PDB file of N, CA and C in Angstrom:
ATOM      1  N   MET A   1     102.076  97.613 147.324  1.00  0.00           N
ATOM      2  CA  MET A   1     102.360  98.811 148.087  1.00  0.00           C
ATOM      3  C   MET A   1     101.262  99.848 147.807  1.00  0.00           C
ATOM      4  N   PRO A   2     100.642 100.396 148.874  1.00  0.00           N
ATOM      5  CA  PRO A   2      99.572 101.380 148.682  1.00  0.00           C
ATOM      6  C   PRO A   2     100.135 102.694 148.125  1.00  0.00           C
ATOM      7  N   PRO A   3      99.274 103.422 147.451  1.00  0.00           N
ATOM      8  CA  PRO A   3      99.752 104.714 146.911  1.00  0.00           C
ATOM      9  C   PRO A   3     100.062 105.705 148.041  1.00  0.00           C
ATOM     10  N   LYS A   4     100.963 106.604 147.729  1.00  0.00           N
ATOM     11  CA  LYS A   4     101.377 107.626 148.698  1.00  0.00           C
ATOM     12  C   LYS A   4     100.220 108.607 148.926  1.00  0.00           C
ATOM     13  N   ARG A   5      99.994 108.965 150.186  1.00  0.00           N
ATOM     14  CA  ARG A   5      98.912 109.898 150.521  1.00  0.00           C
ATOM     15  C   ARG A   5      99.295 111.307 150.087  1.00  0.00           C
ATOM     16  N   ASN A   6      98.293 112.024 149.595  1.00  0.00           N
ATOM     17  CA  ASN A   6      98.512 113.396 149.164  1.00  0.00           C
ATOM     18  C   ASN A   6      98.052 114.330 150.286  1.00  0.00           C
ATOM     19  N   TYR A   7      98.958 114.625 151.194  1.00  0.00           N
ATOM     20  CA  TYR A   7      98.624 115.425 152.368  1.00  0.00           C
ATOM     21  C   TYR A   7      98.257 116.862 152.001  1.00  0.00           C
ATOM     22  N   LYS A   8      98.904 117.408 150.973  1.00  0.00           N
ATOM     23  CA  LYS A   8      98.583 118.778 150.572  1.00  0.00           C
ATOM     24  C   LYS A   8      97.136 118.876 150.097  1.00  0.00           C
ATOM     25  N   PHE A   9      96.689 117.886 149.341  1.00  0.00           N
ATOM     26  CA  PHE A   9      95.299 117.882 148.867  1.00  0.00           C
ATOM     27  C   PHE A   9      94.337 117.791 150.048  1.00  0.00           C
ATOM     28  N   GLU A  10      94.626 116.902 150.994  1.00  0.00           N
ATOM     29  CA  GLU A  10      93.771 116.743 152.163  1.00  0.00           C
ATOM     30  C   GLU A  10      93.722 118.038 152.978  1.00  0.00           C
ATOM     31  N   LYS A  11      94.864 118.672 153.158  1.00  0.00           N
ATOM     32  CA  LYS A  11      94.921 119.920 153.923  1.00  0.00           C
ATOM     33  C   LYS A  11      94.127 120.999 153.203  1.00  0.00           C
ATOM     34  N   ARG A  12      94.255 121.091 151.890  1.00  0.00           N
ATOM     35  CA  ARG A  12      93.530 122.095 151.114  1.00  0.00           C
ATOM     36  C   ARG A  12      92.017 121.879 151.238  1.00  0.00           C
ATOM     37  N   GLN A  13      91.573 120.639 151.158  1.00  0.00           N
ATOM     38  CA  GLN A  13      90.150 120.344 151.276  1.00  0.00           C
ATOM     39  C   GLN A  13      89.637 120.703 152.674  1.00  0.00           C
ATOM     40  N   LYS A  14      90.432 120.403 153.680  1.00  0.00           N
ATOM     41  CA  LYS A  14      90.051 120.717 155.053  1.00  0.00           C
ATOM     42  C   LYS A  14      89.960 122.236 155.243  1.00  0.00           C
ATOM     43  N   ASP A  15      90.934 122.961 154.700  1.00  0.00           N
ATOM     44  CA  ASP A  15      90.921 124.422 154.816  1.00  0.00           C
ATOM     45  C   ASP A  15      89.724 125.025 154.082  1.00  0.00           C
ATOM     46  N   LEU A  16      89.389 124.491 152.910  1.00  0.00           N
ATOM     47  CA  LEU A  16      88.228 124.986 152.174  1.00  0.00           C
ATOM     48  C   LEU A  16      86.939 124.746 152.948  1.00  0.00           C
ATOM     49  N   ALA A  17      86.829 123.591 153.580  1.00  0.00           N
ATOM     50  CA  ALA A  17      85.642 123.282 154.381  1.00  0.00           C
ATOM     51  C   ALA A  17      85.541 124.240 155.568  1.00  0.00           C
ATOM     52  N   LYS A  18      86.665 124.519 156.219  1.00  0.00           N
ATOM     53  CA  LYS A  18      86.675 125.456 157.348  1.00  0.00           C
ATOM     54  C   LYS A  18      86.242 126.850 156.895  1.00  0.00           C
ATOM     55  N   LYS A  19      86.777 127.283 155.758  1.00  0.00           N
ATOM     56  CA  LYS A  19      86.461 128.606 155.237  1.00  0.00           C
ATOM     57  C   LYS A  19      84.971 128.716 154.902  1.00  0.00           C
ATOM     58  N   LYS A  20      84.431 127.679 154.286  1.00  0.00           N
ATOM     59  CA  LYS A  20      83.010 127.675 153.929  1.00  0.00           C
ATOM     60  C   LYS A  20      82.148 127.739 155.189  1.00  0.00           C
ATOM     61  N   LYS A  21      82.495 126.954 156.190  1.00  0.00           N
ATOM     62  CA  LYS A  21      81.737 126.934 157.435  1.00  0.00           C
ATOM     63  C   LYS A  21      81.795 128.300 158.124  1.00  0.00           C
ATOM     64  N   LYS A  22      82.966 128.925 158.114  1.00  0.00           N
ATOM     65  CA  LYS A  22      83.137 130.237 158.739  1.00  0.00           C
ATOM     66  C   LYS A  22      82.293 131.286 158.016  1.00  0.00           C
ATOM     67  N   GLU A  23      82.279 131.244 156.677  1.00  0.00           N
ATOM     68  CA  GLU A  23      81.476 132.197 155.909  1.00  0.00           C
ATOM     69  C   GLU A  23      79.983 132.012 156.179  1.00  0.00           C
ATOM     70  N   GLU A  24      79.539 130.761 156.272  1.00  0.00           N
ATOM     71  CA  GLU A  24      78.133 130.489 156.574  1.00  0.00           C
ATOM     72  C   GLU A  24      77.767 131.028 157.959  1.00  0.00           C
ATOM     73  N   LYS A  25      78.663 130.854 158.904  1.00  0.00           N
ATOM     74  CA  LYS A  25      78.423 131.341 160.260  1.00  0.00           C
ATOM     75  C   LYS A  25      78.323 132.869 160.268  1.00  0.00           C
ATOM     76  N   MET A  26      79.221 133.543 159.559  1.00  0.00           N
ATOM     77  CA  MET A  26      79.181 135.003 159.485  1.00  0.00           C
ATOM     78  C   MET A  26      77.878 135.469 158.841  1.00  0.00           C
ATOM     79  N   GLN A  27      77.439 134.746 157.808  1.00  0.00           N
ATOM     80  CA  GLN A  27      76.201 135.111 157.136  1.00  0.00           C
ATOM     81  C   GLN A  27      75.012 134.962 158.082  1.00  0.00           C
ATOM     82  N   ARG A  28      74.980 133.871 158.853  1.00  0.00           N
ATOM     83  CA  ARG A  28      73.891 133.680 159.822  1.00  0.00           C
ATOM     84  C   ARG A  28      73.899 134.793 160.869  1.00  0.00           C
ATOM     85  N   LYS A  29      75.093 135.176 161.332  1.00  0.00           N
ATOM     86  CA  LYS A  29      75.197 136.242 162.325  1.00  0.00           C
ATOM     87  C   LYS A  29      74.684 137.562 161.746  1.00  0.00           C
ATOM     88  N   GLN A  30      75.017 137.853 160.491  1.00  0.00           N
ATOM     89  CA  GLN A  30      74.554 139.087 159.862  1.00  0.00           C
ATOM     90  C   GLN A  30      73.041 139.069 159.703  1.00  0.00           C
ATOM     91  N   GLU A  31      72.486 137.910 159.339  1.00  0.00           N
ATOM     92  CA  GLU A  31      71.032 137.800 159.193  1.00  0.00           C
ATOM     93  C   GLU A  31      70.345 138.029 160.535  1.00  0.00           C
ATOM     94  N   ARG A  32      70.908 137.454 161.605  1.00  0.00           N
ATOM     95  CA  ARG A  32      70.330 137.657 162.932  1.00  0.00           C
ATOM     96  C   ARG A  32      70.412 139.125 163.334  1.00  0.00           C
ATOM     97  N   LYS A  33      71.544 139.737 163.053  1.00  0.00           N
ATOM     98  CA  LYS A  33      71.724 141.146 163.382  1.00  0.00           C
ATOM     99  C   LYS A  33      70.719 141.983 162.592  1.00  0.00           C
ATOM    100  N   GLN A  34      70.519 141.667 161.324  1.00  0.00           N
ATOM    101  CA  GLN A  34      69.569 142.396 160.488  1.00  0.00           C
ATOM    102  C   GLN A  34      68.148 142.187 161.001  1.00  0.00           C
ATOM    103  N   ASP A  35      67.826 140.967 161.424  1.00  0.00           N
ATOM    104  CA  ASP A  35      66.488 140.686 161.947  1.00  0.00           C
ATOM    105  C   ASP A  35      66.219 141.504 163.207  1.00  0.00           C
ATOM    106  N   THR A  36      67.185 141.567 164.099  1.00  0.00           N
ATOM    107  CA  THR A  36      66.977 142.329 165.330  1.00  0.00           C
ATOM    108  C   THR A  36      66.896 143.815 165.012  1.00  0.00           C
ATOM    109  N   PHE A  37      67.645 144.271 164.036  1.00  0.00           N
ATOM    110  CA  PHE A  37      67.593 145.672 163.623  1.00  0.00           C
ATOM    111  C   PHE A  37      66.223 145.980 163.032  1.00  0.00           C
ATOM    112  N   ASP A  38      65.709 145.079 162.191  1.00  0.00           N
ATOM    113  CA  ASP A  38      64.386 145.270 161.593  1.00  0.00           C
ATOM    114  C   ASP A  38      63.304 145.312 162.659  1.00  0.00           C
ATOM    115  N   GLU A  39      63.397 144.434 163.647  1.00  0.00           N
ATOM    116  CA  GLU A  39      62.405 144.415 164.714  1.00  0.00           C
ATOM    117  C   GLU A  39      62.442 145.730 165.482  1.00  0.00           C
ATOM    118  N   GLY A  40      63.616 146.283 165.685  1.00  0.00           N
ATOM    119  CA  GLY A  40      63.744 147.557 166.371  1.00  0.00           C
ATOM    120  C   GLY A  40      63.098 148.669 165.565  1.00  0.00           C
ATOM    121  N   ASP A  41      63.212 148.618 164.243  1.00  0.00           N
ATOM    122  CA  ASP A  41      62.588 149.622 163.384  1.00  0.00           C
ATOM    123  C   ASP A  41      61.074 149.539 163.461  1.00  0.00           C
ATOM    124  N   ASP A  42      60.537 148.335 163.528  1.00  0.00           N
ATOM    125  CA  ASP A  42      59.085 148.168 163.593  1.00  0.00           C
ATOM    126  C   ASP A  42      58.521 148.824 164.851  1.00  0.00           C
ATOM    127  N   SER A  43      59.198 148.655 165.967  1.00  0.00           N
ATOM    128  CA  SER A  43      58.695 149.239 167.205  1.00  0.00           C
ATOM    129  C   SER A  43      58.769 150.761 167.134  1.00  0.00           C
ATOM    130  N   ALA A  44      59.793 151.277 166.492  1.00  0.00           N
ATOM    131  CA  ALA A  44      59.915 152.733 166.360  1.00  0.00           C
ATOM    132  C   ALA A  44      58.793 153.276 165.487  1.00  0.00           C
ATOM    133  N   VAL A  45      58.445 152.551 164.431  1.00  0.00           N
ATOM    134  CA  VAL A  45      57.358 152.978 163.547  1.00  0.00           C
ATOM    135  C   VAL A  45      56.042 152.924 164.297  1.00  0.00           C
ATOM    136  N   ASP A  46      55.825 151.898 165.101  1.00  0.00           N
ATOM    137  CA  ASP A  46      54.600 151.784 165.882  1.00  0.00           C
ATOM    138  C   ASP A  46      54.466 152.967 166.840  1.00  0.00           C
ATOM    139  N   GLN A  47      55.543 153.365 167.469  1.00  0.00           N
ATOM    140  CA  GLN A  47      55.512 154.481 168.396  1.00  0.00           C
ATOM    141  C   GLN A  47      55.179 155.781 167.668  1.00  0.00           C
ATOM    142  N   GLU A  48      55.702 155.968 166.461  1.00  0.00           N
ATOM    143  CA  GLU A  48      55.401 157.161 165.687  1.00  0.00           C
ATOM    144  C   GLU A  48      53.925 157.201 165.306  1.00  0.00           C
ATOM    145  N   ASP A  49      53.383 156.041 164.920  1.00  0.00           N
ATOM    146  CA  ASP A  49      51.969 155.962 164.562  1.00  0.00           C
ATOM    147  C   ASP A  49      51.098 156.328 165.743  1.00  0.00           C
ATOM    148  N   GLN A  50      51.449 155.851 166.918  1.00  0.00           N
ATOM    149  CA  GLN A  50      50.659 156.134 168.110  1.00  0.00           C
ATOM    150  C   GLN A  50      50.724 157.615 168.462  1.00  0.00           C
ATOM    151  N   SER A  51      51.856 158.242 168.288  1.00  0.00           N
ATOM    152  CA  SER A  51      51.985 159.662 168.626  1.00  0.00           C
ATOM    153  C   SER A  51      51.214 160.518 167.633  1.00  0.00           C
ATOM    154  N   GLU A  52      51.123 160.103 166.375  1.00  0.00           N
ATOM    155  CA  GLU A  52      50.357 160.844 165.378  1.00  0.00           C
ATOM    156  C   GLU A  52      48.862 160.754 165.653  1.00  0.00           C
ATOM    157  N   GLU A  53      48.412 159.620 166.175  1.00  0.00           N
ATOM    158  CA  GLU A  53      46.988 159.424 166.465  1.00  0.00           C
ATOM    159  C   GLU A  53      46.539 160.263 167.657  1.00  0.00           C
ATOM    160  N   SER A  54      47.438 160.542 168.570  1.00  0.00           N
ATOM    161  CA  SER A  54      47.071 161.269 169.800  1.00  0.00           C
ATOM    162  C   SER A  54      46.721 162.711 169.552  1.00  0.00           C
TER     163      SER A  54
END
């Protein structure tokens, strides 16, 4: 007779994997948001430099 399956353990592992994947996704989204914010700052600095030169 095969051993009884431990469904609680399987569910816990599945939930942990989901949580990890969700956190990684949020981190990637924050990095993308930060990258676009940084790019916006660079253009603002370039515009200030050009106005000072004029």
